[in-house]
Amino acid sequence: MADPRHLTSSDALHEIRVHYNRMKNVTLSADDDLIDQARLVARSQHKTLNAAFREWLEQYTAQAGAPKELNALMKRLSHVRAGRHFSREQMNER
């Protein structure tokens, strides 16, 4: 991510849209009848099955306090600096 001190408002908006709206596709297996029933329930709530699943996933992870714990960890580690910029290849090395 670029240094925010050197971003124009247009660049900052691009950074927000590109880096904060990313989603991964997940393939799940379930009984056909169960999926059909879930689609009917979602439709009755004026949602797609994807939207209902994302909502469930947020609730599921919140039960463990994941967002609060992650925010607390990020705050505790806010002083950590890498000391230099790493290329994509360097960050992906194992």
N, C-alpha and C. Protein backbone atom coordinates (compact mmCIF):
# COMPACT_ATOMS: atom_id res chain seq x y z
N MET A 1 0.85 -1.17 0.00
CA MET A 1 0.00 0.00 0.00
C MET A 1 0.89 1.22 0.00
N ALA A 2 0.53 2.24 -0.73
CA ALA A 2 1.33 3.45 -0.82
C ALA A 2 1.31 4.22 0.48
N ASP A 3 2.34 5.04 0.66
CA ASP A 3 2.43 5.88 1.84
C ASP A 3 1.30 6.90 1.79
N PRO A 4 0.39 6.93 2.78
CA PRO A 4 -0.78 7.82 2.72
C PRO A 4 -0.41 9.30 2.69
N ARG A 5 0.79 9.65 3.10
CA ARG A 5 1.20 11.07 3.08
C ARG A 5 1.42 11.56 1.66
N HIS A 6 1.58 10.64 0.71
CA HIS A 6 1.85 11.02 -0.67
C HIS A 6 0.69 10.73 -1.60
N LEU A 7 -0.51 10.50 -1.05
CA LEU A 7 -1.67 10.17 -1.87
C LEU A 7 -2.51 11.41 -2.14
N THR A 8 -3.01 11.52 -3.36
CA THR A 8 -4.03 12.52 -3.64
C THR A 8 -5.35 11.95 -3.18
N SER A 9 -6.41 12.75 -3.14
CA SER A 9 -7.71 12.22 -2.72
C SER A 9 -8.19 11.14 -3.67
N SER A 10 -7.88 11.27 -4.96
CA SER A 10 -8.25 10.25 -5.93
C SER A 10 -7.50 8.95 -5.66
N ASP A 11 -6.20 9.05 -5.37
CA ASP A 11 -5.40 7.87 -5.05
C ASP A 11 -5.93 7.20 -3.79
N ALA A 12 -6.26 8.00 -2.78
CA ALA A 12 -6.75 7.45 -1.52
C ALA A 12 -8.06 6.69 -1.74
N LEU A 13 -8.94 7.24 -2.55
CA LEU A 13 -10.20 6.57 -2.85
C LEU A 13 -9.93 5.25 -3.56
N HIS A 14 -8.98 5.26 -4.49
CA HIS A 14 -8.61 4.02 -5.18
C HIS A 14 -8.07 3.00 -4.19
N GLU A 15 -7.22 3.42 -3.28
CA GLU A 15 -6.67 2.52 -2.26
C GLU A 15 -7.80 1.89 -1.45
N ILE A 16 -8.77 2.67 -1.04
CA ILE A 16 -9.88 2.17 -0.22
C ILE A 16 -10.69 1.15 -1.01
N ARG A 17 -11.02 1.47 -2.24
CA ARG A 17 -11.84 0.56 -3.04
C ARG A 17 -11.11 -0.73 -3.38
N VAL A 18 -9.85 -0.64 -3.71
CA VAL A 18 -9.11 -1.82 -4.14
C VAL A 18 -8.75 -2.71 -2.96
N HIS A 19 -8.35 -2.13 -1.86
CA HIS A 19 -7.79 -2.92 -0.78
C HIS A 19 -8.78 -3.27 0.33
N TYR A 20 -9.92 -2.65 0.36
CA TYR A 20 -10.85 -2.93 1.43
C TYR A 20 -12.14 -3.59 0.98
N ASN A 21 -12.33 -3.76 -0.29
CA ASN A 21 -13.53 -4.41 -0.79
C ASN A 21 -13.22 -5.74 -1.45
N ARG A 22 -12.12 -6.35 -1.10
CA ARG A 22 -11.73 -7.61 -1.70
C ARG A 22 -12.50 -8.75 -1.06
N MET A 23 -12.94 -9.68 -1.88
CA MET A 23 -13.64 -10.86 -1.39
C MET A 23 -13.05 -12.08 -2.07
N LYS A 24 -13.07 -13.19 -1.37
CA LYS A 24 -12.64 -14.46 -1.93
C LYS A 24 -13.86 -15.29 -2.25
N ASN A 25 -13.74 -16.09 -3.29
CA ASN A 25 -14.80 -17.05 -3.61
C ASN A 25 -14.55 -18.31 -2.80
N VAL A 26 -15.63 -18.90 -2.30
CA VAL A 26 -15.55 -20.13 -1.52
C VAL A 26 -16.50 -21.13 -2.14
N THR A 27 -16.05 -22.34 -2.30
CA THR A 27 -16.92 -23.41 -2.81
C THR A 27 -17.29 -24.31 -1.64
N LEU A 28 -18.58 -24.48 -1.43
CA LEU A 28 -19.08 -25.32 -0.34
C LEU A 28 -19.90 -26.46 -0.92
N SER A 29 -19.96 -27.56 -0.21
CA SER A 29 -20.80 -28.68 -0.61
C SER A 29 -21.91 -28.85 0.42
N ALA A 30 -23.13 -29.03 -0.07
CA ALA A 30 -24.28 -29.24 0.81
C ALA A 30 -25.35 -29.99 0.03
N ASP A 31 -26.25 -30.57 0.75
CA ASP A 31 -27.37 -31.29 0.17
C ASP A 31 -28.19 -30.35 -0.72
N ASP A 32 -28.60 -30.84 -1.90
CA ASP A 32 -29.38 -30.02 -2.84
C ASP A 32 -30.64 -29.44 -2.20
N ASP A 33 -31.36 -30.27 -1.46
CA ASP A 33 -32.60 -29.80 -0.83
C ASP A 33 -32.32 -28.71 0.19
N LEU A 34 -31.23 -28.85 0.93
CA LEU A 34 -30.87 -27.85 1.93
C LEU A 34 -30.52 -26.51 1.27
N ILE A 35 -29.83 -26.58 0.16
CA ILE A 35 -29.49 -25.35 -0.58
C ILE A 35 -30.76 -24.70 -1.11
N ASP A 36 -31.66 -25.49 -1.66
CA ASP A 36 -32.93 -24.94 -2.16
C ASP A 36 -33.71 -24.27 -1.03
N GLN A 37 -33.77 -24.91 0.11
CA GLN A 37 -34.47 -24.33 1.27
C GLN A 37 -33.79 -23.03 1.72
N ALA A 38 -32.46 -23.04 1.73
CA ALA A 38 -31.73 -21.84 2.14
C ALA A 38 -31.99 -20.69 1.18
N ARG A 39 -32.07 -20.99 -0.11
CA ARG A 39 -32.37 -19.94 -1.10
C ARG A 39 -33.77 -19.36 -0.87
N LEU A 40 -34.72 -20.24 -0.54
CA LEU A 40 -36.09 -19.76 -0.27
C LEU A 40 -36.12 -18.86 0.96
N VAL A 41 -35.41 -19.25 2.00
CA VAL A 41 -35.35 -18.43 3.21
C VAL A 41 -34.70 -17.09 2.90
N ALA A 42 -33.59 -17.11 2.18
CA ALA A 42 -32.90 -15.87 1.83
C ALA A 42 -33.81 -14.97 0.99
N ARG A 43 -34.48 -15.57 0.01
CA ARG A 43 -35.39 -14.79 -0.83
C ARG A 43 -36.51 -14.17 0.00
N SER A 44 -37.03 -14.89 0.99
CA SER A 44 -38.10 -14.35 1.83
C SER A 44 -37.61 -13.17 2.68
N GLN A 45 -36.29 -13.10 2.88
CA GLN A 45 -35.69 -11.99 3.63
C GLN A 45 -35.13 -10.92 2.68
N HIS A 46 -35.47 -11.05 1.39
CA HIS A 46 -35.01 -10.12 0.34
C HIS A 46 -33.49 -10.06 0.28
N LYS A 47 -32.87 -11.24 0.35
CA LYS A 47 -31.42 -11.36 0.28
C LYS A 47 -31.07 -12.44 -0.73
N THR A 48 -29.83 -12.40 -1.18
CA THR A 48 -29.32 -13.52 -1.96
C THR A 48 -28.74 -14.53 -0.98
N LEU A 49 -28.51 -15.75 -1.45
CA LEU A 49 -27.88 -16.75 -0.60
C LEU A 49 -26.46 -16.30 -0.24
N ASN A 50 -25.77 -15.66 -1.17
CA ASN A 50 -24.43 -15.14 -0.87
C ASN A 50 -24.46 -14.11 0.24
N ALA A 51 -25.42 -13.19 0.18
CA ALA A 51 -25.53 -12.16 1.21
C ALA A 51 -25.85 -12.80 2.57
N ALA A 52 -26.74 -13.79 2.57
CA ALA A 52 -27.08 -14.47 3.82
C ALA A 52 -25.87 -15.21 4.38
N PHE A 53 -25.07 -15.83 3.50
CA PHE A 53 -23.87 -16.53 3.95
C PHE A 53 -22.85 -15.55 4.53
N ARG A 54 -22.63 -14.40 3.88
CA ARG A 54 -21.69 -13.40 4.39
C ARG A 54 -22.14 -12.90 5.76
N GLU A 55 -23.45 -12.70 5.92
CA GLU A 55 -24.00 -12.26 7.21
C GLU A 55 -23.74 -13.33 8.28
N TRP A 56 -23.99 -14.59 7.92
CA TRP A 56 -23.74 -15.68 8.87
C TRP A 56 -22.26 -15.75 9.23
N LEU A 57 -21.39 -15.58 8.25
CA LEU A 57 -19.95 -15.66 8.49
C LEU A 57 -19.49 -14.56 9.45
N GLU A 58 -20.02 -13.37 9.29
CA GLU A 58 -19.69 -12.27 10.21
C GLU A 58 -20.14 -12.61 11.63
N GLN A 59 -21.36 -13.14 11.77
CA GLN A 59 -21.86 -13.50 13.09
C GLN A 59 -21.06 -14.65 13.69
N TYR A 60 -20.70 -15.60 12.88
CA TYR A 60 -19.94 -16.77 13.33
C TYR A 60 -18.58 -16.36 13.87
N THR A 61 -17.89 -15.49 13.15
CA THR A 61 -16.57 -15.06 13.60
C THR A 61 -16.66 -14.11 14.79
N ALA A 62 -17.73 -13.35 14.87
CA ALA A 62 -17.90 -12.41 16.00
C ALA A 62 -18.10 -13.16 17.31
N GLN A 63 -18.64 -14.38 17.24
CA GLN A 63 -18.86 -15.17 18.46
C GLN A 63 -17.55 -15.41 19.20
N ALA A 64 -16.48 -15.53 18.45
CA ALA A 64 -15.17 -15.77 19.05
C ALA A 64 -14.46 -14.47 19.42
N GLY A 65 -15.09 -13.35 19.13
CA GLY A 65 -14.46 -12.06 19.42
C GLY A 65 -13.35 -11.72 18.46
N ALA A 66 -13.33 -12.35 17.28
CA ALA A 66 -12.25 -12.17 16.32
C ALA A 66 -12.00 -10.70 15.94
N PRO A 67 -13.01 -9.93 15.58
CA PRO A 67 -12.74 -8.54 15.20
C PRO A 67 -12.12 -7.73 16.34
N LYS A 68 -12.63 -7.90 17.54
CA LYS A 68 -12.08 -7.15 18.68
C LYS A 68 -10.65 -7.57 18.96
N GLU A 69 -10.41 -8.89 18.91
CA GLU A 69 -9.06 -9.38 19.16
C GLU A 69 -8.09 -8.91 18.10
N LEU A 70 -8.50 -8.92 16.84
CA LEU A 70 -7.63 -8.46 15.76
C LEU A 70 -7.34 -6.98 15.92
N ASN A 71 -8.35 -6.18 16.21
CA ASN A 71 -8.13 -4.74 16.41
C ASN A 71 -7.19 -4.49 17.58
N ALA A 72 -7.35 -5.24 18.66
CA ALA A 72 -6.47 -5.08 19.82
C ALA A 72 -5.03 -5.46 19.45
N LEU A 73 -4.86 -6.54 18.70
CA LEU A 73 -3.53 -6.97 18.27
C LEU A 73 -2.88 -5.91 17.39
N MET A 74 -3.63 -5.40 16.42
CA MET A 74 -3.09 -4.38 15.52
C MET A 74 -2.69 -3.13 16.30
N LYS A 75 -3.46 -2.78 17.31
CA LYS A 75 -3.13 -1.61 18.13
C LYS A 75 -1.84 -1.86 18.92
N ARG A 76 -1.72 -3.09 19.49
CA ARG A 76 -0.51 -3.41 20.26
C ARG A 76 0.73 -3.44 19.37
N LEU A 77 0.56 -3.79 18.09
CA LEU A 77 1.70 -3.91 17.19
C LEU A 77 1.89 -2.69 16.29
N SER A 78 1.18 -1.62 16.57
CA SER A 78 1.24 -0.44 15.69
C SER A 78 2.64 0.17 15.63
N HIS A 79 3.47 -0.08 16.62
CA HIS A 79 4.82 0.47 16.64
C HIS A 79 5.80 -0.31 15.75
N VAL A 80 5.42 -1.50 15.31
CA VAL A 80 6.31 -2.36 14.53
C VAL A 80 6.43 -1.82 13.11
N ARG A 81 7.67 -1.67 12.64
CA ARG A 81 7.94 -1.20 11.28
C ARG A 81 8.91 -2.17 10.62
N ALA A 82 8.71 -2.47 9.36
CA ALA A 82 9.57 -3.40 8.64
C ALA A 82 10.95 -2.81 8.38
N GLY A 83 11.04 -1.49 8.32
CA GLY A 83 12.32 -0.85 8.09
C GLY A 83 12.64 -0.60 6.63
N ARG A 84 11.91 -1.23 5.74
CA ARG A 84 12.10 -1.02 4.31
C ARG A 84 10.89 -1.54 3.56
N HIS A 85 10.84 -1.26 2.26
CA HIS A 85 9.76 -1.73 1.40
C HIS A 85 10.13 -3.08 0.83
N PHE A 86 9.20 -4.03 0.84
CA PHE A 86 9.43 -5.35 0.28
C PHE A 86 8.68 -5.48 -1.03
N SER A 87 9.32 -6.12 -2.01
CA SER A 87 8.65 -6.37 -3.29
C SER A 87 7.62 -7.49 -3.09
N ARG A 88 6.72 -7.63 -4.04
CA ARG A 88 5.72 -8.70 -3.98
C ARG A 88 6.41 -10.06 -3.91
N GLU A 89 7.47 -10.24 -4.71
CA GLU A 89 8.19 -11.51 -4.72
C GLU A 89 8.80 -11.80 -3.34
N GLN A 90 9.39 -10.77 -2.72
CA GLN A 90 9.99 -10.96 -1.40
C GLN A 90 8.93 -11.33 -0.35
N MET A 91 7.76 -10.67 -0.43
CA MET A 91 6.71 -10.95 0.55
C MET A 91 6.14 -12.35 0.38
N ASN A 92 6.21 -12.90 -0.84
CA ASN A 92 5.64 -14.22 -1.10
C ASN A 92 6.64 -15.35 -0.98
N GLU A 93 7.91 -15.02 -0.67
CA GLU A 93 8.91 -16.07 -0.51
C GLU A 93 8.58 -16.90 0.72
N ARG A 94 8.90 -18.15 0.66
CA ARG A 94 8.65 -19.04 1.80
C ARG A 94 9.95 -19.41 2.44
